[in-house]
N, C-alpha and C. Protein backbone atom coordinates (compact mmCIF):
# COMPACT_ATOMS: atom_id res chain seq x y z
N MET A 1 278.16 39.00 87.37
CA MET A 1 278.75 37.86 88.01
C MET A 1 277.84 37.43 89.17
N SER A 2 277.54 36.13 89.25
CA SER A 2 276.69 35.63 90.32
C SER A 2 277.49 34.68 91.20
N ILE A 3 277.13 34.68 92.44
CA ILE A 3 277.82 33.82 93.40
C ILE A 3 276.81 32.81 93.92
N LYS A 4 277.18 31.56 93.90
CA LYS A 4 276.31 30.51 94.40
C LYS A 4 276.80 30.05 95.76
N PHE A 5 275.86 29.95 96.65
CA PHE A 5 276.17 29.44 97.98
C PHE A 5 275.53 28.07 98.13
N GLU A 6 276.29 27.17 98.62
CA GLU A 6 275.75 25.84 98.90
C GLU A 6 275.72 25.67 100.41
N GLN A 7 274.58 25.19 100.87
CA GLN A 7 274.44 24.97 102.30
C GLN A 7 274.14 23.50 102.51
N LYS A 8 274.96 22.88 103.30
CA LYS A 8 274.75 21.47 103.59
C LYS A 8 273.90 21.36 104.84
N ILE A 9 272.78 20.66 104.72
CA ILE A 9 271.87 20.51 105.85
C ILE A 9 272.23 19.22 106.57
N THR A 10 272.47 19.36 107.86
CA THR A 10 272.80 18.19 108.66
C THR A 10 271.76 18.03 109.75
N THR A 11 271.61 16.82 110.16
CA THR A 11 270.65 16.53 111.22
C THR A 11 271.40 16.53 112.54
N SER A 12 270.92 17.31 113.46
CA SER A 12 271.55 17.33 114.78
C SER A 12 271.07 16.13 115.59
N MET A 13 271.75 15.82 116.64
CA MET A 13 271.46 14.64 117.44
C MET A 13 270.06 14.64 118.04
N PRO A 14 269.54 15.76 118.63
CA PRO A 14 268.20 15.71 119.22
C PRO A 14 267.12 15.38 118.21
N GLU A 15 267.23 15.89 116.97
CA GLU A 15 266.22 15.59 115.96
C GLU A 15 266.25 14.11 115.60
N ALA A 16 267.43 13.53 115.56
CA ALA A 16 267.55 12.11 115.24
C ALA A 16 266.86 11.28 116.31
N LYS A 17 266.98 11.71 117.57
CA LYS A 17 266.32 10.98 118.64
C LYS A 17 264.81 11.07 118.50
N VAL A 18 264.30 12.25 118.15
CA VAL A 18 262.86 12.42 117.97
C VAL A 18 262.38 11.50 116.86
N GLY A 19 263.10 11.47 115.75
CA GLY A 19 262.74 10.59 114.65
C GLY A 19 262.78 9.13 115.06
N HIS A 20 263.77 8.77 115.88
CA HIS A 20 263.90 7.40 116.35
C HIS A 20 262.71 7.02 117.23
N LYS A 21 262.29 7.94 118.12
CA LYS A 21 261.12 7.68 118.97
C LYS A 21 259.87 7.53 118.12
N ARG A 22 259.73 8.35 117.11
CA ARG A 22 258.57 8.29 116.24
C ARG A 22 258.51 6.93 115.56
N ARG A 23 259.66 6.44 115.10
CA ARG A 23 259.72 5.14 114.47
C ARG A 23 259.32 4.04 115.45
N ARG A 24 259.76 4.15 116.68
CA ARG A 24 259.44 3.14 117.68
C ARG A 24 257.94 3.13 117.97
N ILE A 25 257.31 4.30 118.01
CA ILE A 25 255.87 4.38 118.26
C ILE A 25 255.10 3.74 117.11
N GLN A 26 255.53 3.96 115.88
CA GLN A 26 254.84 3.40 114.72
C GLN A 26 254.95 1.88 114.67
N GLN A 27 255.94 1.31 115.32
CA GLN A 27 256.12 -0.13 115.28
C GLN A 27 255.21 -0.85 116.28
N ALA A 28 254.57 -0.12 117.19
CA ALA A 28 253.64 -0.74 118.12
C ALA A 28 252.40 -1.18 117.36
N LYS A 29 251.79 -2.27 117.82
CA LYS A 29 250.59 -2.76 117.16
C LYS A 29 249.41 -1.83 117.46
N GLN A 30 248.59 -1.63 116.43
CA GLN A 30 247.40 -0.80 116.56
C GLN A 30 246.25 -1.53 115.87
N TRP A 31 245.03 -1.16 116.23
CA TRP A 31 243.84 -1.71 115.59
C TRP A 31 243.48 -0.84 114.39
N PHE A 32 243.53 -1.42 113.19
CA PHE A 32 243.16 -0.72 111.97
C PHE A 32 241.84 -1.30 111.46
N VAL A 33 241.04 -0.45 110.80
CA VAL A 33 239.78 -0.89 110.22
C VAL A 33 240.05 -1.31 108.78
N LEU A 34 239.64 -2.52 108.46
CA LEU A 34 239.93 -3.10 107.16
C LEU A 34 238.61 -3.42 106.45
N TYR A 35 238.46 -2.94 105.21
CA TYR A 35 237.28 -3.26 104.41
C TYR A 35 237.51 -4.58 103.68
N CYS A 36 236.46 -5.39 103.61
CA CYS A 36 236.52 -6.61 102.82
C CYS A 36 235.29 -6.64 101.92
N LYS A 37 235.25 -7.59 101.01
CA LYS A 37 234.11 -7.69 100.11
C LYS A 37 232.84 -8.00 100.91
N PRO A 38 231.68 -7.54 100.43
CA PRO A 38 230.43 -7.75 101.18
C PRO A 38 230.16 -9.23 101.46
N ASN A 39 229.66 -9.49 102.65
CA ASN A 39 229.28 -10.84 103.11
C ASN A 39 230.45 -11.82 103.16
N THR A 40 231.67 -11.32 103.28
CA THR A 40 232.84 -12.21 103.42
C THR A 40 233.58 -11.96 104.72
N GLU A 41 232.92 -11.29 105.67
CA GLU A 41 233.61 -10.91 106.91
C GLU A 41 234.15 -12.13 107.66
N LYS A 42 233.33 -13.15 107.83
CA LYS A 42 233.75 -14.33 108.60
C LYS A 42 234.85 -15.12 107.89
N SER A 43 234.69 -15.33 106.59
CA SER A 43 235.71 -16.10 105.87
C SER A 43 237.03 -15.33 105.77
N THR A 44 236.94 -14.02 105.60
CA THR A 44 238.15 -13.19 105.57
C THR A 44 238.86 -13.22 106.92
N THR A 45 238.08 -13.16 107.99
CA THR A 45 238.65 -13.25 109.34
C THR A 45 239.39 -14.57 109.51
N GLN A 46 238.76 -15.66 109.08
CA GLN A 46 239.39 -16.98 109.21
C GLN A 46 240.69 -17.06 108.41
N LYS A 47 240.67 -16.56 107.18
CA LYS A 47 241.86 -16.61 106.33
C LYS A 47 243.00 -15.76 106.91
N LEU A 48 242.66 -14.59 107.45
CA LEU A 48 243.68 -13.73 108.07
C LEU A 48 244.26 -14.39 109.33
N LYS A 49 243.41 -15.05 110.10
CA LYS A 49 243.89 -15.75 111.30
C LYS A 49 244.83 -16.90 110.92
N GLU A 50 244.50 -17.59 109.83
CA GLU A 50 245.37 -18.67 109.36
C GLU A 50 246.75 -18.14 108.94
N LYS A 51 246.80 -16.90 108.47
CA LYS A 51 248.07 -16.28 108.08
C LYS A 51 248.82 -15.71 109.29
N GLY A 52 248.20 -15.78 110.48
CA GLY A 52 248.88 -15.34 111.70
C GLY A 52 248.53 -13.93 112.15
N PHE A 53 247.51 -13.31 111.58
CA PHE A 53 247.11 -11.96 111.98
C PHE A 53 246.14 -12.02 113.15
N ASP A 54 246.17 -11.00 113.99
CA ASP A 54 245.23 -10.84 115.09
C ASP A 54 244.05 -10.05 114.54
N VAL A 55 242.91 -10.70 114.35
CA VAL A 55 241.75 -10.10 113.69
C VAL A 55 240.54 -10.21 114.60
N TYR A 56 239.71 -9.18 114.60
CA TYR A 56 238.46 -9.20 115.36
C TYR A 56 237.31 -8.80 114.44
N CYS A 57 236.35 -9.69 114.31
CA CYS A 57 235.14 -9.42 113.54
C CYS A 57 233.99 -9.43 114.55
N PRO A 58 233.54 -8.25 115.00
CA PRO A 58 232.45 -8.21 115.98
C PRO A 58 231.15 -8.73 115.38
N THR A 59 230.55 -9.73 116.03
CA THR A 59 229.30 -10.30 115.55
C THR A 59 228.25 -10.27 116.65
N GLN A 60 227.01 -10.35 116.21
CA GLN A 60 225.89 -10.33 117.13
C GLN A 60 224.91 -11.42 116.69
N THR A 61 224.37 -12.17 117.65
CA THR A 61 223.42 -13.22 117.33
C THR A 61 222.05 -12.61 117.10
N GLN A 62 221.45 -12.96 115.98
CA GLN A 62 220.10 -12.49 115.64
C GLN A 62 219.24 -13.69 115.30
N VAL A 63 217.95 -13.58 115.59
CA VAL A 63 217.01 -14.63 115.23
C VAL A 63 216.33 -14.21 113.94
N ARG A 64 216.48 -15.03 112.92
CA ARG A 64 215.85 -14.79 111.62
C ARG A 64 214.70 -15.75 111.46
N GLN A 65 213.59 -15.23 110.93
CA GLN A 65 212.42 -16.08 110.76
C GLN A 65 212.11 -16.25 109.28
N TRP A 66 211.94 -17.51 108.88
CA TRP A 66 211.49 -17.84 107.54
C TRP A 66 210.06 -18.35 107.67
N SER A 67 209.43 -18.67 106.59
CA SER A 67 208.03 -19.10 106.63
C SER A 67 207.86 -20.41 107.41
N ASP A 68 208.89 -21.25 107.42
CA ASP A 68 208.74 -22.56 108.07
C ASP A 68 209.57 -22.73 109.35
N ARG A 69 210.47 -21.80 109.65
CA ARG A 69 211.34 -22.00 110.81
C ARG A 69 211.97 -20.69 111.26
N LYS A 70 212.56 -20.77 112.46
CA LYS A 70 213.37 -19.68 112.99
C LYS A 70 214.78 -20.21 113.16
N LYS A 71 215.76 -19.31 112.96
CA LYS A 71 217.14 -19.74 113.07
C LYS A 71 217.98 -18.61 113.67
N LYS A 72 218.91 -18.97 114.57
CA LYS A 72 219.85 -18.00 115.12
C LYS A 72 221.05 -17.92 114.19
N ILE A 73 221.42 -16.70 113.81
CA ILE A 73 222.59 -16.52 112.96
C ILE A 73 223.51 -15.47 113.57
N GLU A 74 224.80 -15.60 113.28
CA GLU A 74 225.79 -14.62 113.71
C GLU A 74 225.92 -13.59 112.60
N LYS A 75 225.60 -12.35 112.90
CA LYS A 75 225.63 -11.28 111.90
C LYS A 75 226.73 -10.28 112.29
N PRO A 76 227.60 -9.87 111.34
CA PRO A 76 228.63 -8.87 111.66
C PRO A 76 228.02 -7.54 112.08
N VAL A 77 228.56 -6.94 113.12
CA VAL A 77 228.09 -5.65 113.61
C VAL A 77 228.53 -4.53 112.67
N LEU A 78 229.73 -4.66 112.13
CA LEU A 78 230.27 -3.67 111.19
C LEU A 78 230.28 -4.30 109.80
N PRO A 79 229.26 -4.01 108.97
CA PRO A 79 229.19 -4.66 107.66
C PRO A 79 230.42 -4.38 106.80
N SER A 80 230.97 -5.42 106.22
CA SER A 80 232.15 -5.36 105.33
C SER A 80 233.40 -4.81 106.00
N MET A 81 233.46 -4.86 107.33
CA MET A 81 234.63 -4.32 108.05
C MET A 81 235.14 -5.30 109.09
N LEU A 82 236.45 -5.28 109.27
CA LEU A 82 237.13 -6.07 110.28
C LEU A 82 238.10 -5.17 111.02
N LEU A 83 238.51 -5.57 112.19
CA LEU A 83 239.54 -4.86 112.94
C LEU A 83 240.79 -5.74 112.96
N VAL A 84 241.91 -5.19 112.53
CA VAL A 84 243.17 -5.94 112.45
C VAL A 84 244.18 -5.29 113.39
N HIS A 85 244.74 -6.10 114.29
CA HIS A 85 245.75 -5.62 115.25
C HIS A 85 247.11 -5.91 114.65
N ILE A 86 247.76 -4.86 114.15
CA ILE A 86 248.96 -5.04 113.33
C ILE A 86 249.87 -3.83 113.45
N GLN A 87 251.13 -4.02 113.17
CA GLN A 87 252.07 -2.90 113.12
C GLN A 87 251.85 -2.13 111.82
N ASP A 88 252.13 -0.85 111.85
CA ASP A 88 251.93 0.00 110.68
C ASP A 88 252.74 -0.50 109.48
N LYS A 89 253.95 -0.95 109.72
CA LYS A 89 254.82 -1.40 108.63
C LYS A 89 254.31 -2.68 107.98
N ASP A 90 253.49 -3.46 108.70
CA ASP A 90 252.98 -4.73 108.19
C ASP A 90 251.61 -4.61 107.52
N ARG A 91 251.07 -3.41 107.44
CA ARG A 91 249.72 -3.22 106.88
C ARG A 91 249.55 -3.80 105.47
N PRO A 92 250.50 -3.66 104.55
CA PRO A 92 250.29 -4.18 103.19
C PRO A 92 250.16 -5.71 103.11
N GLN A 93 250.62 -6.43 104.12
CA GLN A 93 250.62 -7.89 104.06
C GLN A 93 249.21 -8.50 104.04
N VAL A 94 248.20 -7.77 104.50
CA VAL A 94 246.84 -8.32 104.53
C VAL A 94 246.25 -8.46 103.13
N PHE A 95 246.84 -7.79 102.15
CA PHE A 95 246.29 -7.82 100.80
C PHE A 95 246.62 -9.12 100.06
N THR A 96 247.27 -10.07 100.73
CA THR A 96 247.47 -11.39 100.13
C THR A 96 246.16 -12.18 100.11
N ILE A 97 245.20 -11.76 100.91
CA ILE A 97 243.86 -12.36 100.92
C ILE A 97 243.02 -11.64 99.88
N LEU A 98 242.43 -12.37 98.95
CA LEU A 98 241.72 -11.76 97.82
C LEU A 98 240.46 -10.99 98.22
N THR A 99 239.84 -11.35 99.35
CA THR A 99 238.60 -10.66 99.75
C THR A 99 238.86 -9.36 100.48
N VAL A 100 240.10 -9.07 100.83
CA VAL A 100 240.46 -7.80 101.48
C VAL A 100 240.49 -6.72 100.41
N GLN A 101 239.83 -5.58 100.67
CA GLN A 101 239.78 -4.52 99.68
C GLN A 101 240.68 -3.33 99.99
N ARG A 102 240.52 -2.75 101.19
CA ARG A 102 241.32 -1.57 101.52
C ARG A 102 241.18 -1.26 103.00
N TYR A 103 241.97 -0.30 103.46
CA TYR A 103 241.84 0.20 104.82
C TYR A 103 240.91 1.39 104.85
N LEU A 104 240.26 1.60 105.98
CA LEU A 104 239.44 2.79 106.18
C LEU A 104 240.38 3.94 106.54
N PHE A 105 240.20 5.08 105.90
CA PHE A 105 241.04 6.24 106.17
C PHE A 105 240.19 7.34 106.80
N PHE A 106 240.81 8.09 107.69
CA PHE A 106 240.17 9.24 108.32
C PHE A 106 241.20 10.36 108.33
N ALA A 107 240.87 11.51 107.74
CA ALA A 107 241.77 12.66 107.64
C ALA A 107 243.08 12.27 106.96
N LYS A 108 242.97 11.53 105.88
CA LYS A 108 244.10 11.11 105.05
C LYS A 108 245.10 10.21 105.78
N GLN A 109 244.67 9.62 106.88
CA GLN A 109 245.49 8.69 107.65
C GLN A 109 244.69 7.41 107.84
N PRO A 110 245.35 6.26 107.93
CA PRO A 110 244.61 5.03 108.22
C PRO A 110 243.87 5.17 109.56
N ALA A 111 242.60 4.82 109.56
CA ALA A 111 241.80 4.94 110.79
C ALA A 111 242.31 3.95 111.83
N VAL A 112 242.56 4.45 113.02
CA VAL A 112 243.04 3.62 114.13
C VAL A 112 241.99 3.63 115.21
N VAL A 113 241.63 2.43 115.68
CA VAL A 113 240.66 2.28 116.76
C VAL A 113 241.45 2.04 118.04
N ARG A 114 241.12 2.79 119.08
CA ARG A 114 241.83 2.64 120.34
C ARG A 114 241.54 1.29 120.99
N GLU A 115 242.49 0.81 121.72
CA GLU A 115 242.36 -0.48 122.42
C GLU A 115 241.14 -0.48 123.34
N GLU A 116 240.88 0.64 124.02
CA GLU A 116 239.73 0.73 124.93
C GLU A 116 238.42 0.56 124.18
N GLU A 117 238.35 1.09 122.97
CA GLU A 117 237.13 0.99 122.17
C GLU A 117 236.89 -0.46 121.73
N VAL A 118 237.94 -1.15 121.37
CA VAL A 118 237.81 -2.55 120.97
C VAL A 118 237.38 -3.39 122.18
N LEU A 119 237.98 -3.14 123.34
CA LEU A 119 237.61 -3.88 124.55
C LEU A 119 236.16 -3.59 124.94
N ALA A 120 235.73 -2.34 124.81
CA ALA A 120 234.34 -1.98 125.12
C ALA A 120 233.37 -2.70 124.18
N MET A 121 233.73 -2.79 122.90
CA MET A 121 232.88 -3.49 121.94
C MET A 121 232.81 -4.97 122.27
N LYS A 122 233.95 -5.56 122.61
CA LYS A 122 233.97 -6.98 122.97
C LYS A 122 233.13 -7.23 124.22
N GLU A 123 233.26 -6.35 125.20
CA GLU A 123 232.51 -6.50 126.45
C GLU A 123 231.01 -6.39 126.20
N TYR A 124 230.61 -5.42 125.41
CA TYR A 124 229.19 -5.25 125.12
C TYR A 124 228.63 -6.44 124.36
N LEU A 125 229.37 -6.91 123.36
CA LEU A 125 228.89 -8.01 122.53
C LEU A 125 229.01 -9.37 123.20
N SER A 126 229.67 -9.44 124.36
CA SER A 126 229.81 -10.71 125.07
C SER A 126 228.49 -11.17 125.65
N GLY A 127 227.50 -10.30 125.72
CA GLY A 127 226.19 -10.69 126.21
C GLY A 127 225.89 -10.21 127.61
N GLU A 128 226.83 -9.50 128.23
CA GLU A 128 226.57 -8.97 129.56
C GLU A 128 225.42 -7.97 129.55
N TYR A 129 225.26 -7.27 128.45
CA TYR A 129 224.23 -6.26 128.33
C TYR A 129 223.20 -6.75 127.32
N ASP A 130 221.94 -6.81 127.73
CA ASP A 130 220.89 -7.27 126.82
C ASP A 130 220.52 -6.20 125.82
N LYS A 131 220.31 -5.00 126.31
CA LYS A 131 219.99 -3.89 125.43
C LYS A 131 220.31 -2.57 126.13
N LEU A 132 220.45 -1.54 125.36
CA LEU A 132 220.70 -0.22 125.89
C LEU A 132 219.36 0.51 126.01
N GLU A 133 219.14 1.18 127.12
CA GLU A 133 217.89 1.91 127.30
C GLU A 133 218.17 3.40 127.36
N VAL A 134 217.31 4.17 126.71
CA VAL A 134 217.45 5.61 126.68
C VAL A 134 216.10 6.22 127.06
N GLU A 135 216.12 7.18 127.97
CA GLU A 135 214.88 7.82 128.39
C GLU A 135 214.98 9.33 128.28
N ARG A 136 213.95 9.93 127.72
CA ARG A 136 213.82 11.39 127.61
C ARG A 136 215.10 12.10 127.21
N ILE A 137 215.47 11.90 126.02
CA ILE A 137 216.64 12.60 125.51
C ILE A 137 216.23 13.42 124.30
N GLU A 138 217.04 14.41 124.01
CA GLU A 138 216.74 15.30 122.89
C GLU A 138 217.88 15.28 121.89
N VAL A 139 217.54 15.56 120.64
CA VAL A 139 218.54 15.62 119.58
C VAL A 139 219.58 16.68 119.91
N GLY A 140 220.86 16.32 119.76
CA GLY A 140 221.95 17.24 120.03
C GLY A 140 222.54 17.12 121.42
N SER A 141 221.86 16.41 122.32
CA SER A 141 222.39 16.27 123.68
C SER A 141 223.51 15.24 123.70
N LYS A 142 224.45 15.42 124.63
CA LYS A 142 225.58 14.50 124.78
C LYS A 142 225.22 13.47 125.84
N LEU A 143 225.57 12.23 125.54
CA LEU A 143 225.32 11.14 126.48
C LEU A 143 226.64 10.50 126.88
N ASN A 144 226.76 10.19 128.17
CA ASN A 144 227.89 9.44 128.67
C ASN A 144 227.54 7.96 128.52
N LEU A 145 228.34 7.20 127.80
CA LEU A 145 228.02 5.82 127.47
C LEU A 145 228.73 4.80 128.35
N ASP A 146 229.28 5.24 129.49
CA ASP A 146 229.97 4.33 130.41
C ASP A 146 229.07 3.18 130.86
N GLU A 147 227.85 3.51 131.23
CA GLU A 147 226.96 2.49 131.77
C GLU A 147 226.50 1.49 130.72
N PHE A 148 226.78 1.77 129.45
CA PHE A 148 226.38 0.87 128.38
C PHE A 148 227.54 0.04 127.84
N GLY A 149 228.69 0.09 128.49
CA GLY A 149 229.82 -0.72 128.07
C GLY A 149 230.85 0.01 127.23
N PHE A 150 230.61 1.27 126.91
CA PHE A 150 231.58 2.07 126.16
C PHE A 150 232.29 2.95 127.17
N LYS A 151 233.38 2.45 127.72
CA LYS A 151 234.09 3.17 128.79
C LYS A 151 234.70 4.45 128.27
N ASP A 152 234.53 5.52 129.03
CA ASP A 152 235.07 6.84 128.72
C ASP A 152 234.65 7.33 127.34
N GLN A 153 233.43 7.01 126.94
CA GLN A 153 232.92 7.42 125.64
C GLN A 153 231.72 8.33 125.80
N GLN A 154 231.64 9.31 124.92
CA GLN A 154 230.47 10.17 124.86
C GLN A 154 229.94 10.13 123.45
N GLY A 155 228.63 10.26 123.34
CA GLY A 155 228.00 10.28 122.04
C GLY A 155 227.02 11.43 121.94
N ILE A 156 226.75 11.86 120.72
CA ILE A 156 225.81 12.94 120.48
C ILE A 156 224.56 12.34 119.85
N VAL A 157 223.40 12.65 120.41
CA VAL A 157 222.14 12.14 119.90
C VAL A 157 221.83 12.81 118.56
N LYS A 158 221.66 12.00 117.52
CA LYS A 158 221.37 12.51 116.18
C LYS A 158 219.89 12.45 115.84
N LYS A 159 219.19 11.41 116.34
CA LYS A 159 217.79 11.23 115.99
C LYS A 159 217.10 10.41 117.07
N VAL A 160 215.85 10.75 117.38
CA VAL A 160 215.06 9.98 118.33
C VAL A 160 213.73 9.66 117.65
N SER A 161 213.35 8.37 117.71
CA SER A 161 212.12 7.94 117.05
C SER A 161 211.48 6.82 117.86
N ASN A 162 210.28 7.04 118.36
CA ASN A 162 209.53 6.05 119.15
C ASN A 162 210.41 5.40 120.20
N ASN A 163 210.84 4.16 119.98
CA ASN A 163 211.66 3.47 120.97
C ASN A 163 213.10 3.29 120.51
N GLN A 164 213.55 4.12 119.57
CA GLN A 164 214.91 4.02 119.06
C GLN A 164 215.61 5.38 119.12
N CYS A 165 216.94 5.29 119.24
CA CYS A 165 217.75 6.51 119.31
C CYS A 165 219.04 6.25 118.54
N TRP A 166 219.46 7.21 117.74
CA TRP A 166 220.70 7.10 116.98
C TRP A 166 221.72 8.01 117.65
N ILE A 167 222.88 7.43 118.04
CA ILE A 167 223.92 8.17 118.76
C ILE A 167 225.20 8.14 117.95
N HIS A 168 225.78 9.31 117.73
CA HIS A 168 227.03 9.43 116.98
C HIS A 168 228.21 9.28 117.93
N LEU A 169 229.06 8.26 117.67
CA LEU A 169 230.27 8.06 118.45
C LEU A 169 231.40 8.79 117.73
N GLU A 170 231.80 9.93 118.26
CA GLU A 170 232.80 10.77 117.59
C GLU A 170 234.12 10.06 117.39
N SER A 171 234.58 9.33 118.39
CA SER A 171 235.89 8.71 118.29
C SER A 171 235.94 7.59 117.27
N LEU A 172 234.82 6.92 117.04
CA LEU A 172 234.78 5.84 116.05
C LEU A 172 234.31 6.33 114.68
N GLY A 173 233.58 7.43 114.67
CA GLY A 173 233.04 7.93 113.40
C GLY A 173 231.82 7.15 112.96
N TYR A 174 231.14 6.50 113.90
CA TYR A 174 229.97 5.70 113.58
C TYR A 174 228.75 6.19 114.35
N VAL A 175 227.60 5.81 113.85
CA VAL A 175 226.34 6.07 114.52
C VAL A 175 225.79 4.71 114.97
N ILE A 176 225.43 4.60 116.26
CA ILE A 176 224.84 3.36 116.74
C ILE A 176 223.36 3.59 116.97
N LYS A 177 222.58 2.56 116.74
CA LYS A 177 221.15 2.63 116.96
C LYS A 177 220.84 1.87 118.25
N VAL A 178 220.19 2.55 119.17
CA VAL A 178 219.88 1.98 120.47
C VAL A 178 218.37 1.80 120.55
N SER A 179 217.93 0.59 120.94
CA SER A 179 216.49 0.29 121.06
C SER A 179 216.15 -0.01 122.50
N ARG A 180 214.91 0.33 122.90
CA ARG A 180 214.49 -0.04 124.24
C ARG A 180 213.51 -1.20 124.15
């Protein structure tokens, strides 16, 4: 003869509050990294803005030279990527735009860029800083990037070559190339 015990699991009030707080935090807007089809960053940004999304496509002015002329063009800093300021629950809505492909994931979670990092990128790309200079550094050394417009950021030097240096930004998961 066997006896079966049934146990009813109930949620106590403190756990419900924790879950409620968690839900409230997820509803705050965050910057997510969004992949789009190659060379469609500007048009995708425009289409998302028309739909009412807060989108940032960091661009940098470059001078391109052809055989007969020179021309200034706006080139995306993050190829095939945009930053979307959106609530977590609204993330699927961006896929109404055909050029949007997917979100960038880090550790099986959608990659979130901190507000300070976005502001630092905007400040640097605004033109206040002409170029970043690096002197006598070695591979593996940590650099404080405050003076270069990346507030409260540190990077690890990955490679040094002539007048260029590659720095890994741990919080963004990117490597930036700095020229003197």
